[in-house]
Each structure stands twice: as structure tokens, then as C-alpha cells.
Amino acid sequence: MSISDVSKLSKEVKSWFGLGGGTEIRKYGPPGTPQQEQACPHVNAYLTCVGLLRTEKKIFYLQPSDTVESARNRFQEARQKDGRDLRQQKILDEAGYELDPGTPLHKTSNKCHVNLLLTYSKRKELQKVVETTRQASESTVQLAGHVVEGTVGAVISSVKERAGIATKREGTQEADASKSTKSGDNQQKEKE
């Protein structure tokens, strides 16, 4: 099996499970004239949410005067119905350029169609990673402190216990020695 065969198979398997890729979109070309696009009865907004493991696509029929942010909000509402949040904050056009959230759809659409990609804001995601890492490291330090306290406590208890056993043994050995000395004395007295 060649490398290209493996690549094709990998893409096919990923498509079966909705993993990876999936950001292929039909391109409508550069924006049309604002006057023509404003005259559209509605704009077919094709939204593609690019996730870490899969992409999700939805279509909304919006007014030409609606903004790209309102299209993102519609997508977010649809996801919240499924109990999921939308963390992708950036809105890109079909060429991959970031759009201002207040941009009206008629300024980005072509023949009453527009493709919008929702992606992660790297800075915001990086801030979340840093915060999560900080919290995890604090928890690890606290856990390590508890482990050390528990281990030191166990070692001290073990040392005390062993010292107590040693003291008991020494006391027992002394008592045994004392008994054997006494019994030896008694035997000697009996012989005399």
C-alpha cells in the first residue's frame, strides 16, 4: 500500500466518523456589489465550525442587514439546544480572512450566499491553557504536600512503633535475663 493510498484511506475513515478535515466548502467568490446583495430577500449563510476533532456545518437564512456576529449567535443558539457551548470566537470569510463581528452579511455575500468559518481565537485559547495549567500545578503542589505530610507522618509512626517494640523487646530480654539469673541463683542455692 502506497503513502497516497494510506492518506486517502485515512481521509475516508475520518469522514465516516466526522473527524478532522471537513472544512472543504463551496466557494462563492469575492463579495458581490453591496446594492445587489442588499436586494436579496435573504442570505444563505453557510457556517462551518472548525473544532479540534471535527467540524460542524449549519445553514441559516438571514437578512442581508444581519451581521456576521448575528450569524455566529444563531449557530451558538443551535448548539446550546444540544447542551454544548460555542468556544470558537473568530469569524473568517471563505478565503480565511478574519471579519469584524459588526460586518453586515451583504458586504461579504455573493449572489445571496456567504460562507463563514468559526474558529478558535488562539490568544483566548492560550490564556485558557495557561490558566488550566496553573490550576493543575497548584493542585499538584497541594497533593504533593499532603502526600509528603502523610508519608512523614507514617514514617514517624513507624519509627515510634519500632522504637516501642525495641524497647519492649529489650525490657523482655532484660526480664528474661533477670529470671534466668534468678533461676540460676536458685539452682545454685539448692545445690549448696
N, C-alpha and C. Protein backbone atom coordinates (compact mmCIF):
# COMPACT_ATOMS: atom_id res chain seq x y z
N MET A 1 0.86 -1.18 0.00
CA MET A 1 0.00 0.00 0.00
C MET A 1 0.90 1.24 0.00
N SER A 2 0.65 2.15 -0.91
CA SER A 2 1.48 3.35 -1.02
C SER A 2 1.05 4.42 -0.01
N ILE A 3 1.87 5.44 0.14
CA ILE A 3 1.58 6.54 1.06
C ILE A 3 0.30 7.26 0.64
N SER A 4 0.11 7.45 -0.64
CA SER A 4 -1.09 8.15 -1.12
C SER A 4 -2.35 7.31 -0.82
N ASP A 5 -2.23 5.98 -0.91
CA ASP A 5 -3.36 5.11 -0.58
C ASP A 5 -3.71 5.24 0.90
N VAL A 6 -2.68 5.26 1.74
CA VAL A 6 -2.90 5.39 3.19
C VAL A 6 -3.55 6.73 3.50
N SER A 7 -3.08 7.78 2.84
CA SER A 7 -3.65 9.11 3.04
C SER A 7 -5.12 9.15 2.64
N LYS A 8 -5.45 8.58 1.49
CA LYS A 8 -6.84 8.54 1.03
C LYS A 8 -7.72 7.75 1.99
N LEU A 9 -7.20 6.60 2.44
CA LEU A 9 -7.95 5.77 3.38
C LEU A 9 -8.17 6.50 4.69
N SER A 10 -7.14 7.19 5.17
CA SER A 10 -7.24 7.94 6.41
C SER A 10 -8.32 9.02 6.31
N LYS A 11 -8.34 9.75 5.19
CA LYS A 11 -9.35 10.79 5.00
C LYS A 11 -10.75 10.18 4.95
N GLU A 12 -10.87 9.04 4.29
CA GLU A 12 -12.17 8.39 4.18
C GLU A 12 -12.68 7.93 5.55
N VAL A 13 -11.80 7.31 6.33
CA VAL A 13 -12.19 6.84 7.66
C VAL A 13 -12.57 8.03 8.54
N LYS A 14 -11.79 9.11 8.48
CA LYS A 14 -12.11 10.31 9.25
C LYS A 14 -13.47 10.86 8.86
N SER A 15 -13.79 10.84 7.57
CA SER A 15 -15.08 11.36 7.12
C SER A 15 -16.23 10.51 7.64
N TRP A 16 -16.01 9.19 7.79
CA TRP A 16 -17.06 8.32 8.32
C TRP A 16 -17.45 8.74 9.73
N PHE A 17 -16.46 9.14 10.53
CA PHE A 17 -16.70 9.48 11.92
C PHE A 17 -16.78 10.97 12.17
N GLY A 18 -16.70 11.76 11.12
CA GLY A 18 -16.77 13.20 11.27
C GLY A 18 -15.55 13.78 11.96
N LEU A 19 -14.41 13.14 11.81
CA LEU A 19 -13.19 13.61 12.46
C LEU A 19 -12.32 14.37 11.49
N GLY A 20 -11.61 15.35 12.06
CA GLY A 20 -10.61 16.09 11.29
C GLY A 20 -11.18 16.65 10.01
N GLY A 21 -10.36 17.37 9.31
CA GLY A 21 -10.75 17.90 8.00
C GLY A 21 -12.16 18.42 7.97
N GLY A 22 -12.83 18.20 6.89
CA GLY A 22 -14.23 18.58 6.78
C GLY A 22 -14.45 20.06 6.58
N THR A 23 -13.38 20.83 6.37
CA THR A 23 -13.56 22.26 6.20
C THR A 23 -13.66 22.64 4.73
N GLU A 24 -13.75 21.64 3.85
CA GLU A 24 -13.90 21.93 2.44
C GLU A 24 -15.27 22.57 2.23
N ILE A 25 -15.26 23.73 1.61
CA ILE A 25 -16.51 24.44 1.40
C ILE A 25 -16.60 24.89 -0.05
N ARG A 26 -17.80 25.03 -0.51
CA ARG A 26 -18.01 25.57 -1.86
C ARG A 26 -17.75 27.07 -1.77
N LYS A 27 -16.94 27.55 -2.65
CA LYS A 27 -16.60 28.98 -2.61
C LYS A 27 -17.47 29.74 -3.58
N TYR A 28 -17.99 30.86 -3.09
CA TYR A 28 -18.87 31.70 -3.91
C TYR A 28 -18.13 32.87 -4.53
N GLY A 29 -16.85 33.02 -4.18
CA GLY A 29 -16.05 34.08 -4.77
C GLY A 29 -16.11 35.36 -3.95
N PRO A 30 -15.51 36.39 -4.49
CA PRO A 30 -15.45 37.65 -3.75
C PRO A 30 -16.85 38.24 -3.57
N PRO A 31 -16.98 39.11 -2.59
CA PRO A 31 -18.31 39.71 -2.35
C PRO A 31 -18.86 40.40 -3.59
N GLY A 32 -20.17 40.28 -3.74
CA GLY A 32 -20.85 40.97 -4.85
C GLY A 32 -20.98 42.44 -4.52
N THR A 33 -21.69 43.16 -5.37
CA THR A 33 -21.88 44.59 -5.11
C THR A 33 -22.87 44.75 -3.96
N PRO A 34 -22.58 45.65 -3.03
CA PRO A 34 -23.46 45.82 -1.87
C PRO A 34 -24.92 46.11 -2.25
N GLN A 35 -25.14 46.86 -3.34
CA GLN A 35 -26.51 47.18 -3.74
C GLN A 35 -27.27 45.92 -4.15
N GLN A 36 -26.63 45.05 -4.94
CA GLN A 36 -27.28 43.81 -5.36
C GLN A 36 -27.51 42.89 -4.16
N GLU A 37 -26.53 42.82 -3.28
CA GLU A 37 -26.64 41.91 -2.15
C GLU A 37 -27.67 42.40 -1.14
N GLN A 38 -27.83 43.70 -0.99
CA GLN A 38 -28.86 44.24 -0.10
C GLN A 38 -30.26 43.93 -0.63
N ALA A 39 -30.38 43.78 -1.93
CA ALA A 39 -31.68 43.50 -2.55
C ALA A 39 -32.10 42.04 -2.38
N CYS A 40 -31.22 41.19 -1.89
CA CYS A 40 -31.57 39.77 -1.69
C CYS A 40 -32.70 39.64 -0.68
N PRO A 41 -33.67 38.72 -0.92
CA PRO A 41 -34.74 38.52 0.06
C PRO A 41 -34.19 37.94 1.37
N HIS A 42 -33.14 37.14 1.25
CA HIS A 42 -32.42 36.62 2.42
C HIS A 42 -31.03 36.15 1.94
N VAL A 43 -30.15 35.95 2.90
CA VAL A 43 -28.81 35.47 2.57
C VAL A 43 -28.69 34.06 3.12
N ASN A 44 -28.27 33.15 2.26
CA ASN A 44 -27.99 31.79 2.72
C ASN A 44 -26.62 31.81 3.39
N ALA A 45 -26.60 31.71 4.70
CA ALA A 45 -25.34 31.75 5.44
C ALA A 45 -24.93 30.34 5.79
N TYR A 46 -23.84 29.89 5.19
CA TYR A 46 -23.30 28.56 5.43
C TYR A 46 -22.20 28.69 6.47
N LEU A 47 -22.45 28.21 7.68
CA LEU A 47 -21.47 28.33 8.75
C LEU A 47 -20.78 27.00 9.00
N THR A 48 -19.48 27.05 9.09
CA THR A 48 -18.68 25.87 9.38
C THR A 48 -17.90 26.15 10.66
N CYS A 49 -18.19 25.37 11.67
CA CYS A 49 -17.50 25.49 12.96
C CYS A 49 -16.34 24.50 12.96
N VAL A 50 -15.12 25.01 13.00
CA VAL A 50 -13.92 24.18 12.94
C VAL A 50 -13.51 23.83 14.37
N GLY A 51 -13.67 22.55 14.72
CA GLY A 51 -13.30 22.09 16.05
C GLY A 51 -11.97 21.38 16.05
N LEU A 52 -11.60 20.88 17.21
CA LEU A 52 -10.33 20.17 17.33
C LEU A 52 -10.38 18.80 16.68
N LEU A 53 -11.50 18.10 16.84
CA LEU A 53 -11.62 16.75 16.30
C LEU A 53 -12.53 16.66 15.08
N ARG A 54 -13.46 17.58 14.97
CA ARG A 54 -14.38 17.50 13.84
C ARG A 54 -14.90 18.88 13.50
N THR A 55 -15.57 18.97 12.39
CA THR A 55 -16.22 20.22 12.00
C THR A 55 -17.72 20.01 12.03
N GLU A 56 -18.42 21.09 12.19
CA GLU A 56 -19.88 21.04 12.22
C GLU A 56 -20.39 22.13 11.28
N LYS A 57 -21.36 21.78 10.47
CA LYS A 57 -21.87 22.72 9.48
C LYS A 57 -23.36 22.94 9.69
N LYS A 58 -23.75 24.21 9.53
CA LYS A 58 -25.18 24.56 9.62
C LYS A 58 -25.45 25.66 8.60
N ILE A 59 -26.70 25.71 8.18
CA ILE A 59 -27.11 26.77 7.26
C ILE A 59 -28.22 27.58 7.91
N PHE A 60 -28.14 28.90 7.73
CA PHE A 60 -29.16 29.79 8.28
C PHE A 60 -29.58 30.76 7.17
N TYR A 61 -30.84 31.11 7.18
CA TYR A 61 -31.36 32.07 6.23
C TYR A 61 -31.56 33.37 7.00
N LEU A 62 -30.71 34.34 6.69
CA LEU A 62 -30.69 35.58 7.45
C LEU A 62 -30.96 36.78 6.55
N GLN A 63 -31.23 37.89 7.16
CA GLN A 63 -31.46 39.13 6.43
C GLN A 63 -30.12 39.70 5.96
N PRO A 64 -30.08 40.36 4.82
CA PRO A 64 -28.83 40.93 4.32
C PRO A 64 -28.21 41.94 5.30
N SER A 65 -29.05 42.58 6.09
CA SER A 65 -28.54 43.58 7.04
C SER A 65 -28.01 42.95 8.34
N ASP A 66 -28.28 41.66 8.56
CA ASP A 66 -27.74 40.98 9.75
C ASP A 66 -26.22 40.98 9.68
N THR A 67 -25.60 40.93 10.83
CA THR A 67 -24.13 40.94 10.88
C THR A 67 -23.57 39.52 10.95
N VAL A 68 -22.27 39.40 10.71
CA VAL A 68 -21.64 38.09 10.81
C VAL A 68 -21.70 37.60 12.27
N GLU A 69 -21.69 38.53 13.21
CA GLU A 69 -21.82 38.16 14.63
C GLU A 69 -23.20 37.57 14.91
N SER A 70 -24.24 38.10 14.27
CA SER A 70 -25.58 37.55 14.48
C SER A 70 -25.67 36.14 13.89
N ALA A 71 -24.94 35.89 12.80
CA ALA A 71 -24.89 34.53 12.24
C ALA A 71 -24.22 33.59 13.23
N ARG A 72 -23.11 34.04 13.84
CA ARG A 72 -22.42 33.23 14.85
C ARG A 72 -23.34 32.98 16.04
N ASN A 73 -24.08 33.99 16.45
CA ASN A 73 -25.01 33.84 17.58
C ASN A 73 -26.09 32.81 17.29
N ARG A 74 -26.58 32.78 16.05
CA ARG A 74 -27.58 31.77 15.66
C ARG A 74 -26.99 30.37 15.78
N PHE A 75 -25.74 30.23 15.36
CA PHE A 75 -25.06 28.94 15.47
C PHE A 75 -24.93 28.56 16.94
N GLN A 76 -24.55 29.53 17.76
CA GLN A 76 -24.40 29.28 19.20
C GLN A 76 -25.74 28.85 19.82
N GLU A 77 -26.82 29.51 19.45
CA GLU A 77 -28.15 29.13 19.97
C GLU A 77 -28.49 27.70 19.60
N ALA A 78 -28.18 27.32 18.37
CA ALA A 78 -28.47 25.95 17.93
C ALA A 78 -27.64 24.95 18.73
N ARG A 79 -26.41 25.27 19.03
CA ARG A 79 -25.56 24.36 19.81
C ARG A 79 -26.03 24.27 21.25
N GLN A 80 -26.49 25.39 21.80
CA GLN A 80 -26.93 25.39 23.20
C GLN A 80 -28.16 24.52 23.38
N LYS A 81 -28.96 24.39 22.33
CA LYS A 81 -30.12 23.49 22.41
C LYS A 81 -29.66 22.05 22.61
N ASP A 82 -28.45 21.74 22.09
CA ASP A 82 -27.86 20.41 22.26
C ASP A 82 -27.05 20.32 23.55
N GLY A 83 -27.03 21.41 24.33
CA GLY A 83 -26.28 21.42 25.59
C GLY A 83 -24.79 21.64 25.40
N ARG A 84 -24.40 22.25 24.30
CA ARG A 84 -22.97 22.48 24.04
C ARG A 84 -22.71 23.97 23.85
N ASP A 85 -21.54 24.40 24.27
CA ASP A 85 -21.14 25.79 24.09
C ASP A 85 -20.38 25.95 22.77
N LEU A 86 -20.27 27.18 22.34
CA LEU A 86 -19.51 27.50 21.14
C LEU A 86 -18.32 28.34 21.59
N ARG A 87 -17.13 27.74 21.61
CA ARG A 87 -15.93 28.43 22.06
C ARG A 87 -15.21 29.14 20.92
N GLN A 88 -15.56 28.82 19.70
CA GLN A 88 -14.90 29.44 18.55
C GLN A 88 -15.38 30.89 18.45
N GLN A 89 -14.45 31.82 18.63
CA GLN A 89 -14.79 33.24 18.66
C GLN A 89 -14.51 33.96 17.34
N LYS A 90 -13.52 33.51 16.61
CA LYS A 90 -13.14 34.19 15.37
C LYS A 90 -14.08 33.83 14.24
N ILE A 91 -14.40 34.82 13.43
CA ILE A 91 -15.26 34.62 12.26
C ILE A 91 -14.42 34.96 11.02
N LEU A 92 -14.27 33.96 10.14
CA LEU A 92 -13.47 34.14 8.93
C LEU A 92 -14.35 34.04 7.70
N ASP A 93 -13.92 34.72 6.63
CA ASP A 93 -14.63 34.54 5.37
C ASP A 93 -14.09 33.28 4.69
N GLU A 94 -14.61 32.95 3.52
CA GLU A 94 -14.22 31.70 2.86
C GLU A 94 -12.77 31.68 2.41
N ALA A 95 -12.13 32.85 2.33
CA ALA A 95 -10.73 32.91 1.96
C ALA A 95 -9.82 32.84 3.20
N GLY A 96 -10.42 32.80 4.39
CA GLY A 96 -9.64 32.69 5.62
C GLY A 96 -9.31 34.01 6.28
N TYR A 97 -9.90 35.12 5.80
CA TYR A 97 -9.65 36.42 6.41
C TYR A 97 -10.62 36.65 7.56
N GLU A 98 -10.08 37.20 8.65
CA GLU A 98 -10.92 37.47 9.82
C GLU A 98 -11.82 38.66 9.54
N LEU A 99 -13.09 38.52 9.92
CA LEU A 99 -14.07 39.58 9.70
C LEU A 99 -14.37 40.29 11.01
N ASP A 100 -14.68 41.55 10.91
CA ASP A 100 -15.14 42.30 12.08
C ASP A 100 -16.54 41.79 12.41
N PRO A 101 -16.82 41.52 13.68
CA PRO A 101 -18.15 40.96 14.04
C PRO A 101 -19.32 41.82 13.59
N GLY A 102 -19.11 43.12 13.44
CA GLY A 102 -20.22 44.00 13.05
C GLY A 102 -20.42 44.13 11.55
N THR A 103 -19.69 43.37 10.77
CA THR A 103 -19.80 43.44 9.30
C THR A 103 -21.15 42.89 8.85
N PRO A 104 -21.91 43.69 8.08
CA PRO A 104 -23.19 43.18 7.57
C PRO A 104 -22.95 42.06 6.54
N LEU A 105 -23.87 41.12 6.50
CA LEU A 105 -23.73 39.99 5.58
C LEU A 105 -23.69 40.43 4.12
N HIS A 106 -24.44 41.49 3.77
CA HIS A 106 -24.49 41.92 2.37
C HIS A 106 -23.13 42.43 1.88
N LYS A 107 -22.22 42.73 2.79
CA LYS A 107 -20.88 43.18 2.39
C LYS A 107 -19.93 42.00 2.17
N THR A 108 -20.33 40.81 2.57
CA THR A 108 -19.47 39.64 2.40
C THR A 108 -20.09 38.58 1.48
N SER A 109 -21.38 38.71 1.17
CA SER A 109 -22.06 37.68 0.38
C SER A 109 -21.87 37.88 -1.12
N ASN A 110 -22.12 36.82 -1.85
CA ASN A 110 -22.05 36.84 -3.31
C ASN A 110 -23.26 36.07 -3.82
N LYS A 111 -24.12 36.74 -4.58
CA LYS A 111 -25.34 36.15 -5.12
C LYS A 111 -26.19 35.53 -4.00
N CYS A 112 -26.30 36.28 -2.90
CA CYS A 112 -27.14 35.92 -1.74
C CYS A 112 -26.63 34.69 -0.98
N HIS A 113 -25.35 34.39 -1.11
CA HIS A 113 -24.73 33.28 -0.39
C HIS A 113 -23.47 33.77 0.31
N VAL A 114 -23.22 33.22 1.49
CA VAL A 114 -21.99 33.57 2.20
C VAL A 114 -21.51 32.36 3.00
N ASN A 115 -20.20 32.15 2.97
CA ASN A 115 -19.57 31.11 3.79
C ASN A 115 -18.86 31.78 4.94
N LEU A 116 -19.09 31.30 6.15
CA LEU A 116 -18.39 31.82 7.32
C LEU A 116 -17.79 30.65 8.08
N LEU A 117 -16.56 30.82 8.47
CA LEU A 117 -15.86 29.80 9.26
C LEU A 117 -15.71 30.32 10.68
N LEU A 118 -16.07 29.50 11.64
CA LEU A 118 -15.91 29.85 13.06
C LEU A 118 -14.72 29.07 13.58
N THR A 119 -13.73 29.79 14.08
CA THR A 119 -12.51 29.14 14.56
C THR A 119 -12.15 29.66 15.95
N TYR A 120 -11.20 28.98 16.55
CA TYR A 120 -10.73 29.39 17.87
C TYR A 120 -9.88 30.65 17.77
N SER A 121 -9.99 31.48 18.79
CA SER A 121 -9.10 32.62 18.93
C SER A 121 -7.88 32.09 19.67
N LYS A 122 -6.75 32.02 19.01
CA LYS A 122 -5.56 31.40 19.59
C LYS A 122 -5.17 32.06 20.90
N ARG A 123 -5.28 33.37 20.99
CA ARG A 123 -4.90 34.07 22.22
C ARG A 123 -5.80 33.66 23.38
N LYS A 124 -7.11 33.63 23.14
CA LYS A 124 -8.04 33.25 24.22
C LYS A 124 -7.85 31.80 24.62
N GLU A 125 -7.64 30.93 23.64
CA GLU A 125 -7.41 29.52 23.96
C GLU A 125 -6.10 29.33 24.71
N LEU A 126 -5.08 30.10 24.33
CA LEU A 126 -3.80 30.02 25.02
C LEU A 126 -3.96 30.49 26.47
N GLN A 127 -4.75 31.55 26.68
CA GLN A 127 -5.00 32.02 28.05
C GLN A 127 -5.68 30.93 28.87
N LYS A 128 -6.62 30.22 28.26
CA LYS A 128 -7.30 29.12 28.97
C LYS A 128 -6.33 28.00 29.30
N VAL A 129 -5.43 27.69 28.36
CA VAL A 129 -4.44 26.64 28.60
C VAL A 129 -3.52 27.04 29.75
N VAL A 130 -3.07 28.30 29.75
CA VAL A 130 -2.19 28.79 30.81
C VAL A 130 -2.91 28.73 32.16
N GLU A 131 -4.15 29.16 32.20
CA GLU A 131 -4.92 29.13 33.45
C GLU A 131 -5.15 27.71 33.93
N THR A 132 -5.50 26.82 33.03
CA THR A 132 -5.72 25.42 33.39
C THR A 132 -4.43 24.80 33.91
N THR A 133 -3.31 25.11 33.25
CA THR A 133 -2.01 24.59 33.67
C THR A 133 -1.65 25.11 35.06
N ARG A 134 -1.92 26.40 35.30
CA ARG A 134 -1.63 26.99 36.60
C ARG A 134 -2.45 26.30 37.70
N GLN A 135 -3.74 26.11 37.43
CA GLN A 135 -4.59 25.44 38.41
C GLN A 135 -4.14 24.00 38.65
N ALA A 136 -3.76 23.32 37.59
CA ALA A 136 -3.30 21.93 37.73
C ALA A 136 -2.01 21.88 38.54
N SER A 137 -1.10 22.83 38.30
CA SER A 137 0.16 22.81 39.05
C SER A 137 -0.08 23.13 40.51
N GLU A 138 -1.01 24.05 40.80
CA GLU A 138 -1.34 24.34 42.20
C GLU A 138 -1.92 23.10 42.88
N SER A 139 -2.80 22.41 42.19
CA SER A 139 -3.40 21.19 42.74
C SER A 139 -2.34 20.13 42.96
N THR A 140 -1.40 20.02 42.03
CA THR A 140 -0.33 19.03 42.16
C THR A 140 0.54 19.35 43.37
N VAL A 141 0.86 20.63 43.57
CA VAL A 141 1.68 21.03 44.72
C VAL A 141 0.93 20.72 46.02
N GLN A 142 -0.37 21.03 46.05
CA GLN A 142 -1.16 20.72 47.25
C GLN A 142 -1.20 19.22 47.50
N LEU A 143 -1.41 18.45 46.47
CA LEU A 143 -1.45 16.99 46.60
C LEU A 143 -0.11 16.47 47.08
N ALA A 144 0.97 17.00 46.50
CA ALA A 144 2.31 16.57 46.91
C ALA A 144 2.54 16.90 48.38
N GLY A 145 2.06 18.06 48.82
CA GLY A 145 2.18 18.44 50.24
C GLY A 145 1.46 17.45 51.13
N HIS A 146 0.26 17.05 50.72
CA HIS A 146 -0.50 16.07 51.50
C HIS A 146 0.21 14.72 51.52
N VAL A 147 0.75 14.34 50.38
CA VAL A 147 1.46 13.06 50.29
C VAL A 147 2.68 13.08 51.19
N VAL A 148 3.44 14.20 51.15
CA VAL A 148 4.63 14.32 51.99
C VAL A 148 4.23 14.28 53.46
N GLU A 149 3.20 15.04 53.82
CA GLU A 149 2.73 15.04 55.21
C GLU A 149 2.34 13.63 55.64
N GLY A 150 1.59 12.96 54.79
CA GLY A 150 1.16 11.60 55.10
C GLY A 150 2.33 10.64 55.20
N THR A 151 3.28 10.78 54.28
CA THR A 151 4.45 9.90 54.29
C THR A 151 5.31 10.15 55.53
N VAL A 152 5.57 11.42 55.84
CA VAL A 152 6.37 11.76 57.02
C VAL A 152 5.66 11.26 58.27
N GLY A 153 4.34 11.49 58.32
CA GLY A 153 3.57 11.00 59.47
C GLY A 153 3.67 9.49 59.62
N ALA A 154 3.58 8.79 58.50
CA ALA A 154 3.66 7.32 58.53
C ALA A 154 5.05 6.87 58.96
N VAL A 155 6.08 7.55 58.46
CA VAL A 155 7.46 7.19 58.83
C VAL A 155 7.67 7.42 60.32
N ILE A 156 7.21 8.56 60.82
CA ILE A 156 7.36 8.85 62.25
C ILE A 156 6.63 7.83 63.08
N SER A 157 5.41 7.50 62.68
CA SER A 157 4.64 6.49 63.41
C SER A 157 5.35 5.16 63.39
N SER A 158 5.90 4.81 62.23
CA SER A 158 6.61 3.55 62.09
C SER A 158 7.85 3.52 62.97
N VAL A 159 8.58 4.64 62.98
CA VAL A 159 9.79 4.72 63.82
C VAL A 159 9.41 4.61 65.29
N LYS A 160 8.35 5.35 65.66
CA LYS A 160 7.90 5.28 67.07
C LYS A 160 7.47 3.87 67.42
N GLU A 161 6.72 3.25 66.52
CA GLU A 161 6.24 1.89 66.77
C GLU A 161 7.41 0.93 66.90
N ARG A 162 8.36 1.03 66.00
CA ARG A 162 9.53 0.15 66.05
C ARG A 162 10.35 0.42 67.31
N ALA A 163 10.46 1.68 67.69
CA ALA A 163 11.20 2.02 68.90
C ALA A 163 10.49 1.42 70.11
N GLY A 164 9.16 1.49 70.09
CA GLY A 164 8.37 0.90 71.18
C GLY A 164 8.55 -0.60 71.22
N ILE A 165 8.58 -1.25 70.09
CA ILE A 165 8.78 -2.70 70.01
C ILE A 165 10.18 -3.04 70.50
N ALA A 166 11.17 -2.24 70.08
CA ALA A 166 12.54 -2.49 70.51
C ALA A 166 12.65 -2.32 72.02
N THR A 167 12.01 -1.31 72.55
CA THR A 167 12.04 -1.08 74.00
C THR A 167 11.38 -2.24 74.72
N LYS A 168 10.26 -2.71 74.18
CA LYS A 168 9.56 -3.84 74.79
C LYS A 168 10.45 -5.08 74.73
N ARG A 169 11.11 -5.29 73.58
CA ARG A 169 11.98 -6.46 73.42
C ARG A 169 13.14 -6.38 74.42
N GLU A 170 13.74 -5.17 74.50
CA GLU A 170 14.85 -5.02 75.44
C GLU A 170 14.38 -5.29 76.85
N GLY A 171 13.20 -4.76 77.17
CA GLY A 171 12.63 -5.00 78.51
C GLY A 171 12.36 -6.47 78.72
N THR A 172 11.86 -7.15 77.72
CA THR A 172 11.57 -8.57 77.82
C THR A 172 12.85 -9.36 77.96
N GLN A 173 13.85 -8.99 77.17
CA GLN A 173 15.14 -9.68 77.24
C GLN A 173 15.78 -9.47 78.61
N GLU A 174 15.69 -8.25 79.15
CA GLU A 174 16.23 -7.98 80.48
C GLU A 174 15.48 -8.79 81.52
N ALA A 175 14.17 -8.83 81.37
CA ALA A 175 13.36 -9.60 82.32
C ALA A 175 13.71 -11.08 82.22
N ASP A 176 13.88 -11.59 80.98
CA ASP A 176 14.26 -12.98 80.79
C ASP A 176 15.64 -13.25 81.40
N ALA A 177 16.54 -12.32 81.19
CA ALA A 177 17.88 -12.47 81.74
C ALA A 177 17.83 -12.45 83.25
N SER A 178 16.99 -11.57 83.76
CA SER A 178 16.85 -11.48 85.21
C SER A 178 16.26 -12.77 85.76
N LYS A 179 15.28 -13.32 85.07
CA LYS A 179 14.66 -14.58 85.50
C LYS A 179 15.67 -15.71 85.46
N SER A 180 16.44 -15.73 84.34
CA SER A 180 17.40 -16.82 84.22
C SER A 180 18.49 -16.67 85.28
N THR A 181 18.85 -15.46 85.60
CA THR A 181 19.83 -15.24 86.66
C THR A 181 19.27 -15.69 87.99
N LYS A 182 18.01 -15.34 88.24
CA LYS A 182 17.36 -15.73 89.48
C LYS A 182 17.23 -17.24 89.54
N SER A 183 16.82 -17.85 88.44
CA SER A 183 16.66 -19.30 88.46
C SER A 183 18.01 -19.97 88.60
N GLY A 184 19.05 -19.36 88.00
CA GLY A 184 20.39 -19.89 88.17
C GLY A 184 20.84 -19.77 89.61
N ASP A 185 20.52 -18.67 90.24
CA ASP A 185 20.85 -18.47 91.66
C ASP A 185 20.11 -19.47 92.51
N ASN A 186 18.85 -19.68 92.17
CA ASN A 186 18.02 -20.63 92.93
C ASN A 186 18.59 -22.04 92.78
N GLN A 187 19.02 -22.38 91.59
CA GLN A 187 19.58 -23.72 91.37
C GLN A 187 20.89 -23.85 92.14
N GLN A 188 21.66 -22.80 92.17
CA GLN A 188 22.93 -22.85 92.91
C GLN A 188 22.67 -23.00 94.39
N LYS A 189 21.67 -22.29 94.92
CA LYS A 189 21.33 -22.37 96.33
C LYS A 189 20.85 -23.77 96.67
N GLU A 190 20.15 -24.41 95.77
CA GLU A 190 19.64 -25.74 96.00
C GLU A 190 20.78 -26.74 96.03
N LYS A 191 21.79 -26.53 95.25
CA LYS A 191 22.94 -27.42 95.21
C LYS A 191 23.75 -27.29 96.48
N GLU A 192 23.78 -26.11 97.03
CA GLU A 192 24.57 -25.90 98.24
C GLU A 192 23.86 -26.47 99.36
